[in-house]
Structure formats: C-alpha cells, structure tokens
Amino acid sequence: MKVALWSWTGGYIGVNGGGGRGRTSFSDPYGPSIYGDIVNTPVFLAGGQIGYNWQTNGWVLDAELDASHAVSDGTNSCLAFSGNVVIATCK
C-alpha cells in the first residue's frame, strides 16, 4: 500500500479583491459636449470563498461556496452645449 505524502482533506477560507478601469463613449445628438464624450469607469471587486475538500484514493472531492461583488460607476456631464446649461449626467 502506498502512503500519501500529502492530503488535501480539510477546510479552507479565502478572500479575493481586484480593481480595474474602463472607458465608454457616448454621442450627443446636439453636437459635442463641452465636457467631452468619454466616461471613465473605475472598477472595484471584492469577494470570498469557503469550502471543504475530501481526498480518497487519489481523488479530491470538494464543496465550495463563493461570492464576489463588483462596483463600477462612472459619470460625466453630457449633453451640455454651454457652461450654464447642463441637460444630463451620463453614467
């Protein structure tokens, strides 16, 4: 009988996080906005996982629960043809 040098049996818990950046553009039917037509969208991601492994005869079975949430929100004034008149905020 071969003795396992390592066993994957056991529980675990972990967290994850990350970030990013995106850009989007929009078109103004009344012409270019004085604030531009680009919206930068910063992104933040956070989450976690918890689970348990069972190792038997060279096989590892696993039960895991994980969840993550991303937040990405960018805004810019748009549809503005002068500094005194802002028609909308684009997201």
PDB file of N, CA and C in Angstrom:
ATOM      1  N   MET A   1       0.836  -1.178   0.000  1.00  0.00           N
ATOM      2  CA  MET A   1       0.000   0.000   0.000  1.00  0.00           C
ATOM      3  C   MET A   1       0.882   1.242   0.000  1.00  0.00           C
ATOM      4  N   LYS A   2       0.520   2.184  -0.828  1.00  0.00           N
ATOM      5  CA  LYS A   2       1.268   3.413  -0.977  1.00  0.00           C
ATOM      6  C   LYS A   2       0.726   4.460  -0.001  1.00  0.00           C
ATOM      7  N   VAL A   3       1.600   5.089   0.753  1.00  0.00           N
ATOM      8  CA  VAL A   3       1.197   6.111   1.717  1.00  0.00           C
ATOM      9  C   VAL A   3       1.235   7.469   1.031  1.00  0.00           C
ATOM     10  N   ALA A   4       0.160   8.240   1.182  1.00  0.00           N
ATOM     11  CA  ALA A   4       0.094   9.571   0.582  1.00  0.00           C
ATOM     12  C   ALA A   4       1.044  10.513   1.305  1.00  0.00           C
ATOM     13  N   LEU A   5       1.827  11.260   0.533  1.00  0.00           N
ATOM     14  CA  LEU A   5       2.741  12.237   1.113  1.00  0.00           C
ATOM     15  C   LEU A   5       2.012  13.515   1.518  1.00  0.00           C
ATOM     16  N   TRP A   6       0.888  13.758   0.907  1.00  0.00           N
ATOM     17  CA  TRP A   6       0.128  14.978   1.161  1.00  0.00           C
ATOM     18  C   TRP A   6      -1.352  14.662   1.095  1.00  0.00           C
ATOM     19  N   SER A   7      -2.107  15.274   1.957  1.00  0.00           N
ATOM     20  CA  SER A   7      -3.553  15.095   1.934  1.00  0.00           C
ATOM     21  C   SER A   7      -4.232  16.435   1.704  1.00  0.00           C
ATOM     22  N   TRP A   8      -5.186  16.455   0.780  1.00  0.00           N
ATOM     23  CA  TRP A   8      -5.955  17.662   0.506  1.00  0.00           C
ATOM     24  C   TRP A   8      -7.209  17.743   1.363  1.00  0.00           C
ATOM     25  N   THR A   9      -7.453  16.786   2.222  1.00  0.00           N
ATOM     26  CA  THR A   9      -8.636  16.793   3.072  1.00  0.00           C
ATOM     27  C   THR A   9      -8.540  17.931   4.079  1.00  0.00           C
ATOM     28  N   GLY A  10      -9.614  18.706   4.169  1.00  0.00           N
ATOM     29  CA  GLY A  10      -9.647  19.806   5.136  1.00  0.00           C
ATOM     30  C   GLY A  10     -10.438  20.983   4.620  1.00  0.00           C
ATOM     31  N   GLY A  11     -10.698  21.904   5.514  1.00  0.00           N
ATOM     32  CA  GLY A  11     -11.462  23.095   5.164  1.00  0.00           C
ATOM     33  C   GLY A  11     -10.563  24.258   4.792  1.00  0.00           C
ATOM     34  N   TYR A  12     -11.138  25.231   4.135  1.00  0.00           N
ATOM     35  CA  TYR A  12     -10.387  26.426   3.754  1.00  0.00           C
ATOM     36  C   TYR A  12     -11.332  27.614   3.668  1.00  0.00           C
ATOM     37  N   ILE A  13     -10.752  28.792   3.782  1.00  0.00           N
ATOM     38  CA  ILE A  13     -11.484  30.048   3.661  1.00  0.00           C
ATOM     39  C   ILE A  13     -10.547  31.042   2.990  1.00  0.00           C
ATOM     40  N   GLY A  14     -11.070  31.917   2.167  1.00  0.00           N
ATOM     41  CA  GLY A  14     -10.213  32.872   1.470  1.00  0.00           C
ATOM     42  C   GLY A  14     -10.969  34.114   1.059  1.00  0.00           C
ATOM     43  N   VAL A  15     -10.234  35.125   0.727  1.00  0.00           N
ATOM     44  CA  VAL A  15     -10.802  36.376   0.227  1.00  0.00           C
ATOM     45  C   VAL A  15     -10.113  36.727  -1.081  1.00  0.00           C
ATOM     46  N   ASN A  16     -10.785  37.502  -1.889  1.00  0.00           N
ATOM     47  CA  ASN A  16     -10.201  37.968  -3.130  1.00  0.00           C
ATOM     48  C   ASN A  16     -10.619  39.415  -3.372  1.00  0.00           C
ATOM     49  N   GLY A  17      -9.820  40.114  -4.093  1.00  0.00           N
ATOM     50  CA  GLY A  17     -10.116  41.502  -4.425  1.00  0.00           C
ATOM     51  C   GLY A  17      -9.379  41.891  -5.686  1.00  0.00           C
ATOM     52  N   GLY A  18      -9.820  42.948  -6.286  1.00  0.00           N
ATOM     53  CA  GLY A  18      -9.170  43.411  -7.506  1.00  0.00           C
ATOM     54  C   GLY A  18      -9.729  44.748  -7.935  1.00  0.00           C
ATOM     55  N   GLY A  19      -9.181  45.255  -8.969  1.00  0.00           N
ATOM     56  CA  GLY A  19      -9.620  46.542  -9.488  1.00  0.00           C
ATOM     57  C   GLY A  19      -9.349  46.629 -10.967  1.00  0.00           C
ATOM     58  N   GLY A  20      -9.878  47.641 -11.551  1.00  0.00           N
ATOM     59  CA  GLY A  20      -9.681  47.840 -12.976  1.00  0.00           C
ATOM     60  C   GLY A  20     -10.183  49.201 -13.388  1.00  0.00           C
ATOM     61  N   ARG A  21     -10.199  49.400 -14.660  1.00  0.00           N
ATOM     62  CA  ARG A  21     -10.633  50.679 -15.190  1.00  0.00           C
ATOM     63  C   ARG A  21     -11.210  50.461 -16.578  1.00  0.00           C
ATOM     64  N   GLY A  22     -12.253  51.177 -16.861  1.00  0.00           N
ATOM     65  CA  GLY A  22     -12.851  51.096 -18.188  1.00  0.00           C
ATOM     66  C   GLY A  22     -13.193  52.483 -18.695  1.00  0.00           C
ATOM     67  N   ARG A  23     -13.509  52.553 -19.952  1.00  0.00           N
ATOM     68  CA  ARG A  23     -13.934  53.816 -20.572  1.00  0.00           C
ATOM     69  C   ARG A  23     -15.074  53.521 -21.523  1.00  0.00           C
ATOM     70  N   THR A  24     -15.976  54.430 -21.594  1.00  0.00           N
ATOM     71  CA  THR A  24     -17.035  54.327 -22.583  1.00  0.00           C
ATOM     72  C   THR A  24     -17.264  55.700 -23.179  1.00  0.00           C
ATOM     73  N   SER A  25     -17.787  55.719 -24.366  1.00  0.00           N
ATOM     74  CA  SER A  25     -18.071  57.000 -25.017  1.00  0.00           C
ATOM     75  C   SER A  25     -19.540  57.025 -25.418  1.00  0.00           C
ATOM     76  N   PHE A  26     -20.043  58.200 -25.586  1.00  0.00           N
ATOM     77  CA  PHE A  26     -21.431  58.370 -25.997  1.00  0.00           C
ATOM     78  C   PHE A  26     -21.482  59.463 -27.047  1.00  0.00           C
ATOM     79  N   SER A  27     -22.543  59.475 -27.797  1.00  0.00           N
ATOM     80  CA  SER A  27     -22.697  60.513 -28.821  1.00  0.00           C
ATOM     81  C   SER A  27     -23.836  61.441 -28.419  1.00  0.00           C
ATOM     82  N   ASP A  28     -23.628  62.702 -28.637  1.00  0.00           N
ATOM     83  CA  ASP A  28     -24.594  63.741 -28.305  1.00  0.00           C
ATOM     84  C   ASP A  28     -25.319  64.146 -29.582  1.00  0.00           C
ATOM     85  N   PRO A  29     -26.629  63.999 -29.642  1.00  0.00           N
ATOM     86  CA  PRO A  29     -27.345  64.353 -30.873  1.00  0.00           C
ATOM     87  C   PRO A  29     -27.287  65.847 -31.186  1.00  0.00           C
ATOM     88  N   TYR A  30     -26.901  66.672 -30.204  1.00  0.00           N
ATOM     89  CA  TYR A  30     -26.841  68.124 -30.405  1.00  0.00           C
ATOM     90  C   TYR A  30     -25.425  68.610 -30.674  1.00  0.00           C
ATOM     91  N   GLY A  31     -24.473  67.705 -30.856  1.00  0.00           N
ATOM     92  CA  GLY A  31     -23.085  68.085 -31.086  1.00  0.00           C
ATOM     93  C   GLY A  31     -22.241  67.716 -29.881  1.00  0.00           C
ATOM     94  N   PRO A  32     -20.941  67.933 -29.964  1.00  0.00           N
ATOM     95  CA  PRO A  32     -20.058  67.547 -28.868  1.00  0.00           C
ATOM     96  C   PRO A  32     -20.338  68.337 -27.593  1.00  0.00           C
ATOM     97  N   SER A  33     -20.275  67.654 -26.474  1.00  0.00           N
ATOM     98  CA  SER A  33     -20.467  68.287 -25.172  1.00  0.00           C
ATOM     99  C   SER A  33     -19.209  69.063 -24.802  1.00  0.00           C
ATOM    100  N   ILE A  34     -19.355  70.160 -24.076  1.00  0.00           N
ATOM    101  CA  ILE A  34     -18.180  70.926 -23.664  1.00  0.00           C
ATOM    102  C   ILE A  34     -17.369  70.168 -22.626  1.00  0.00           C
ATOM    103  N   TYR A  35     -17.954  69.135 -22.002  1.00  0.00           N
ATOM    104  CA  TYR A  35     -17.251  68.331 -21.011  1.00  0.00           C
ATOM    105  C   TYR A  35     -16.660  67.067 -21.616  1.00  0.00           C
ATOM    106  N   GLY A  36     -16.820  66.863 -22.892  1.00  0.00           N
ATOM    107  CA  GLY A  36     -16.287  65.679 -23.557  1.00  0.00           C
ATOM    108  C   GLY A  36     -17.332  64.577 -23.661  1.00  0.00           C
ATOM    109  N   ASP A  37     -16.989  63.550 -24.407  1.00  0.00           N
ATOM    110  CA  ASP A  37     -17.924  62.451 -24.637  1.00  0.00           C
ATOM    111  C   ASP A  37     -17.386  61.121 -24.117  1.00  0.00           C
ATOM    112  N   ILE A  38     -16.480  61.172 -23.129  1.00  0.00           N
ATOM    113  CA  ILE A  38     -15.879  59.976 -22.553  1.00  0.00           C
ATOM    114  C   ILE A  38     -16.245  59.897 -21.073  1.00  0.00           C
ATOM    115  N   VAL A  39     -16.617  58.699 -20.620  1.00  0.00           N
ATOM    116  CA  VAL A  39     -16.876  58.458 -19.201  1.00  0.00           C
ATOM    117  C   VAL A  39     -15.893  57.395 -18.727  1.00  0.00           C
ATOM    118  N   ASN A  40     -15.033  57.736 -17.755  1.00  0.00           N
ATOM    119  CA  ASN A  40     -14.122  56.763 -17.146  1.00  0.00           C
ATOM    120  C   ASN A  40     -14.874  55.999 -16.068  1.00  0.00           C
ATOM    121  N   THR A  41     -14.675  54.700 -16.021  1.00  0.00           N
ATOM    122  CA  THR A  41     -15.384  53.862 -15.055  1.00  0.00           C
ATOM    123  C   THR A  41     -14.394  53.062 -14.219  1.00  0.00           C
ATOM    124  N   PRO A  42     -14.085  53.540 -13.011  1.00  0.00           N
ATOM    125  CA  PRO A  42     -13.237  52.740 -12.131  1.00  0.00           C
ATOM    126  C   PRO A  42     -14.003  51.518 -11.631  1.00  0.00           C
ATOM    127  N   VAL A  43     -13.294  50.409 -11.410  1.00  0.00           N
ATOM    128  CA  VAL A  43     -13.924  49.152 -11.005  1.00  0.00           C
ATOM    129  C   VAL A  43     -13.241  48.634  -9.742  1.00  0.00           C
ATOM    130  N   PHE A  44     -14.042  48.180  -8.775  1.00  0.00           N
ATOM    131  CA  PHE A  44     -13.517  47.515  -7.589  1.00  0.00           C
ATOM    132  C   PHE A  44     -14.259  46.201  -7.423  1.00  0.00           C
ATOM    133  N   LEU A  45     -13.530  45.126  -7.123  1.00  0.00           N
ATOM    134  CA  LEU A  45     -14.106  43.795  -6.964  1.00  0.00           C
ATOM    135  C   LEU A  45     -13.652  43.228  -5.629  1.00  0.00           C
ATOM    136  N   ALA A  46     -14.591  42.665  -4.871  1.00  0.00           N
ATOM    137  CA  ALA A  46     -14.258  42.014  -3.597  1.00  0.00           C
ATOM    138  C   ALA A  46     -15.131  40.776  -3.445  1.00  0.00           C
ATOM    139  N   GLY A  47     -14.598  39.773  -2.773  1.00  0.00           N
ATOM    140  CA  GLY A  47     -15.364  38.553  -2.556  1.00  0.00           C
ATOM    141  C   GLY A  47     -14.643  37.597  -1.635  1.00  0.00           C
ATOM    142  N   GLY A  48     -15.211  36.435  -1.508  1.00  0.00           N
ATOM    143  CA  GLY A  48     -14.620  35.424  -0.647  1.00  0.00           C
ATOM    144  C   GLY A  48     -15.119  34.043  -1.001  1.00  0.00           C
ATOM    145  N   GLN A  49     -14.482  33.053  -0.410  1.00  0.00           N
ATOM    146  CA  GLN A  49     -14.864  31.662  -0.618  1.00  0.00           C
ATOM    147  C   GLN A  49     -14.598  30.864   0.644  1.00  0.00           C
ATOM    148  N   ILE A  50     -15.406  29.824   0.815  1.00  0.00           N
ATOM    149  CA  ILE A  50     -15.253  28.896   1.932  1.00  0.00           C
ATOM    150  C   ILE A  50     -15.598  27.514   1.388  1.00  0.00           C
ATOM    151  N   GLY A  51     -14.854  26.498   1.832  1.00  0.00           N
ATOM    152  CA  GLY A  51     -15.116  25.168   1.308  1.00  0.00           C
ATOM    153  C   GLY A  51     -14.439  24.078   2.103  1.00  0.00           C
ATOM    154  N   TYR A  52     -14.639  22.859   1.638  1.00  0.00           N
ATOM    155  CA  TYR A  52     -14.053  21.688   2.284  1.00  0.00           C
ATOM    156  C   TYR A  52     -13.687  20.668   1.210  1.00  0.00           C
ATOM    157  N   ASN A  53     -12.495  20.068   1.324  1.00  0.00           N
ATOM    158  CA  ASN A  53     -12.019  19.029   0.407  1.00  0.00           C
ATOM    159  C   ASN A  53     -11.984  17.674   1.104  1.00  0.00           C
ATOM    160  N   TRP A  54     -12.308  16.624   0.344  1.00  0.00           N
ATOM    161  CA  TRP A  54     -12.158  15.237   0.802  1.00  0.00           C
ATOM    162  C   TRP A  54     -11.261  14.535  -0.197  1.00  0.00           C
ATOM    163  N   GLN A  55     -10.151  13.949   0.279  1.00  0.00           N
ATOM    164  CA  GLN A  55      -9.267  13.194  -0.602  1.00  0.00           C
ATOM    165  C   GLN A  55      -9.389  11.719  -0.269  1.00  0.00           C
ATOM    166  N   THR A  56      -9.635  10.911  -1.306  1.00  0.00           N
ATOM    167  CA  THR A  56      -9.739   9.473  -1.133  1.00  0.00           C
ATOM    168  C   THR A  56      -9.234   8.789  -2.402  1.00  0.00           C
ATOM    169  N   ASN A  57      -8.304   7.873  -2.255  1.00  0.00           N
ATOM    170  CA  ASN A  57      -7.783   7.065  -3.363  1.00  0.00           C
ATOM    171  C   ASN A  57      -7.325   7.906  -4.554  1.00  0.00           C
ATOM    172  N   GLY A  58      -6.643   8.988  -4.306  1.00  0.00           N
ATOM    173  CA  GLY A  58      -6.136   9.818  -5.397  1.00  0.00           C
ATOM    174  C   GLY A  58      -7.140  10.801  -5.973  1.00  0.00           C
ATOM    175  N   TRP A  59      -8.358  10.777  -5.491  1.00  0.00           N
ATOM    176  CA  TRP A  59      -9.389  11.707  -5.945  1.00  0.00           C
ATOM    177  C   TRP A  59      -9.630  12.752  -4.866  1.00  0.00           C
ATOM    178  N   VAL A  60      -9.938  13.972  -5.296  1.00  0.00           N
ATOM    179  CA  VAL A  60     -10.287  15.047  -4.357  1.00  0.00           C
ATOM    180  C   VAL A  60     -11.680  15.537  -4.723  1.00  0.00           C
ATOM    181  N   LEU A  61     -12.594  15.433  -3.777  1.00  0.00           N
ATOM    182  CA  LEU A  61     -13.960  15.954  -3.935  1.00  0.00           C
ATOM    183  C   LEU A  61     -14.050  17.233  -3.123  1.00  0.00           C
ATOM    184  N   ASP A  62     -14.861  18.173  -3.590  1.00  0.00           N
ATOM    185  CA  ASP A  62     -14.876  19.494  -2.979  1.00  0.00           C
ATOM    186  C   ASP A  62     -16.292  20.043  -2.924  1.00  0.00           C
ATOM    187  N   ALA A  63     -16.574  20.753  -1.845  1.00  0.00           N
ATOM    188  CA  ALA A  63     -17.794  21.556  -1.746  1.00  0.00           C
ATOM    189  C   ALA A  63     -17.341  22.974  -1.444  1.00  0.00           C
ATOM    190  N   GLU A  64     -17.816  23.936  -2.236  1.00  0.00           N
ATOM    191  CA  GLU A  64     -17.349  25.312  -2.074  1.00  0.00           C
ATOM    192  C   GLU A  64     -18.490  26.287  -2.265  1.00  0.00           C
ATOM    193  N   LEU A  65     -18.455  27.356  -1.492  1.00  0.00           N
ATOM    194  CA  LEU A  65     -19.382  28.474  -1.627  1.00  0.00           C
ATOM    195  C   LEU A  65     -18.533  29.704  -1.853  1.00  0.00           C
ATOM    196  N   ASP A  66     -18.817  30.428  -2.937  1.00  0.00           N
ATOM    197  CA  ASP A  66     -18.062  31.660  -3.177  1.00  0.00           C
ATOM    198  C   ASP A  66     -18.992  32.742  -3.695  1.00  0.00           C
ATOM    199  N   ALA A  67     -18.596  33.975  -3.420  1.00  0.00           N
ATOM    200  CA  ALA A  67     -19.380  35.134  -3.852  1.00  0.00           C
ATOM    201  C   ALA A  67     -18.433  36.289  -4.112  1.00  0.00           C
ATOM    202  N   SER A  68     -18.764  37.097  -5.091  1.00  0.00           N
ATOM    203  CA  SER A  68     -17.991  38.297  -5.406  1.00  0.00           C
ATOM    204  C   SER A  68     -18.954  39.395  -5.808  1.00  0.00           C
ATOM    205  N   HIS A  69     -18.517  40.622  -5.617  1.00  0.00           N
ATOM    206  CA  HIS A  69     -19.331  41.778  -5.988  1.00  0.00           C
ATOM    207  C   HIS A  69     -18.427  42.813  -6.644  1.00  0.00           C
ATOM    208  N   ALA A  70     -18.864  43.343  -7.767  1.00  0.00           N
ATOM    209  CA  ALA A  70     -18.108  44.371  -8.479  1.00  0.00           C
ATOM    210  C   ALA A  70     -18.888  45.676  -8.462  1.00  0.00           C
ATOM    211  N   VAL A  71     -18.164  46.754  -8.274  1.00  0.00           N
ATOM    212  CA  VAL A  71     -18.749  48.091  -8.311  1.00  0.00           C
ATOM    213  C   VAL A  71     -18.035  48.860  -9.412  1.00  0.00           C
ATOM    214  N   SER A  72     -18.797  49.343 -10.367  1.00  0.00           N
ATOM    215  CA  SER A  72     -18.234  50.106 -11.481  1.00  0.00           C
ATOM    216  C   SER A  72     -19.195  51.233 -11.804  1.00  0.00           C
ATOM    217  N   ASP A  73     -18.794  52.439 -11.504  1.00  0.00           N
ATOM    218  CA  ASP A  73     -19.679  53.575 -11.721  1.00  0.00           C
ATOM    219  C   ASP A  73     -18.859  54.767 -12.170  1.00  0.00           C
ATOM    220  N   GLY A  74     -19.158  55.274 -13.327  1.00  0.00           N
ATOM    221  CA  GLY A  74     -18.504  56.472 -13.830  1.00  0.00           C
ATOM    222  C   GLY A  74     -19.547  57.458 -14.295  1.00  0.00           C
ATOM    223  N   THR A  75     -19.298  58.722 -14.078  1.00  0.00           N
ATOM    224  CA  THR A  75     -20.241  59.755 -14.500  1.00  0.00           C
ATOM    225  C   THR A  75     -19.491  60.897 -15.181  1.00  0.00           C
ATOM    226  N   ASN A  76     -20.200  61.607 -16.038  1.00  0.00           N
ATOM    227  CA  ASN A  76     -19.682  62.801 -16.687  1.00  0.00           C
ATOM    228  C   ASN A  76     -20.880  63.634 -17.121  1.00  0.00           C
ATOM    229  N   SER A  77     -20.745  64.928 -17.056  1.00  0.00           N
ATOM    230  CA  SER A  77     -21.808  65.801 -17.570  1.00  0.00           C
ATOM    231  C   SER A  77     -21.832  65.674 -19.082  1.00  0.00           C
ATOM    232  N   CYS A  78     -23.015  65.497 -19.625  1.00  0.00           N
ATOM    233  CA  CYS A  78     -23.133  65.338 -21.069  1.00  0.00           C
ATOM    234  C   CYS A  78     -24.320  66.147 -21.569  1.00  0.00           C
ATOM    235  N   LEU A  79     -24.440  66.209 -22.846  1.00  0.00           N
ATOM    236  CA  LEU A  79     -25.482  66.989 -23.499  1.00  0.00           C
ATOM    237  C   LEU A  79     -25.443  68.441 -23.017  1.00  0.00           C
ATOM    238  N   ALA A  80     -24.229  68.973 -22.805  1.00  0.00           N
ATOM    239  CA  ALA A  80     -24.050  70.353 -22.349  1.00  0.00           C
ATOM    240  C   ALA A  80     -23.432  71.156 -23.475  1.00  0.00           C
ATOM    241  N   PHE A  81     -24.139  72.163 -23.932  1.00  0.00           N
ATOM    242  CA  PHE A  81     -23.605  72.987 -25.007  1.00  0.00           C
ATOM    243  C   PHE A  81     -23.037  74.301 -24.492  1.00  0.00           C
ATOM    244  N   SER A  82     -23.216  74.594 -23.181  1.00  0.00           N
ATOM    245  CA  SER A  82     -22.592  75.761 -22.562  1.00  0.00           C
ATOM    246  C   SER A  82     -22.362  75.458 -21.092  1.00  0.00           C
ATOM    247  N   GLY A  83     -21.564  76.279 -20.420  1.00  0.00           N
ATOM    248  CA  GLY A  83     -21.303  76.074 -19.002  1.00  0.00           C
ATOM    249  C   GLY A  83     -22.501  76.378 -18.140  1.00  0.00           C
ATOM    250  N   ASN A  84     -23.496  77.073 -18.653  1.00  0.00           N
ATOM    251  CA  ASN A  84     -24.695  77.433 -17.894  1.00  0.00           C
ATOM    252  C   ASN A  84     -25.833  76.440 -18.060  1.00  0.00           C
ATOM    253  N   VAL A  85     -25.785  75.633 -19.106  1.00  0.00           N
ATOM    254  CA  VAL A  85     -26.875  74.700 -19.385  1.00  0.00           C
ATOM    255  C   VAL A  85     -26.316  73.279 -19.455  1.00  0.00           C
ATOM    256  N   VAL A  86     -26.650  72.465 -18.450  1.00  0.00           N
ATOM    257  CA  VAL A  86     -26.286  71.047 -18.451  1.00  0.00           C
ATOM    258  C   VAL A  86     -27.583  70.273 -18.520  1.00  0.00           C
ATOM    259  N   ILE A  87     -27.746  69.471 -19.555  1.00  0.00           N
ATOM    260  CA  ILE A  87     -29.005  68.787 -19.782  1.00  0.00           C
ATOM    261  C   ILE A  87     -29.050  67.431 -19.072  1.00  0.00           C
ATOM    262  N   ALA A  88     -27.902  66.750 -18.914  1.00  0.00           N
ATOM    263  CA  ALA A  88     -27.932  65.405 -18.355  1.00  0.00           C
ATOM    264  C   ALA A  88     -26.576  65.029 -17.753  1.00  0.00           C
ATOM    265  N   THR A  89     -26.605  63.996 -16.940  1.00  0.00           N
ATOM    266  CA  THR A  89     -25.397  63.352 -16.437  1.00  0.00           C
ATOM    267  C   THR A  89     -25.384  61.947 -17.000  1.00  0.00           C
ATOM    268  N   CYS A  90     -24.317  61.596 -17.708  1.00  0.00           N
ATOM    269  CA  CYS A  90     -24.201  60.270 -18.303  1.00  0.00           C
ATOM    270  C   CYS A  90     -23.456  59.360 -17.341  1.00  0.00           C
ATOM    271  N   LYS A  91     -23.949  58.115 -17.192  1.00  0.00           N
ATOM    272  CA  LYS A  91     -23.317  57.124 -16.333  1.00  0.00           C
ATOM    273  C   LYS A  91     -22.878  55.954 -17.179  1.00  0.00           C
TER     274      LYS A  91
END
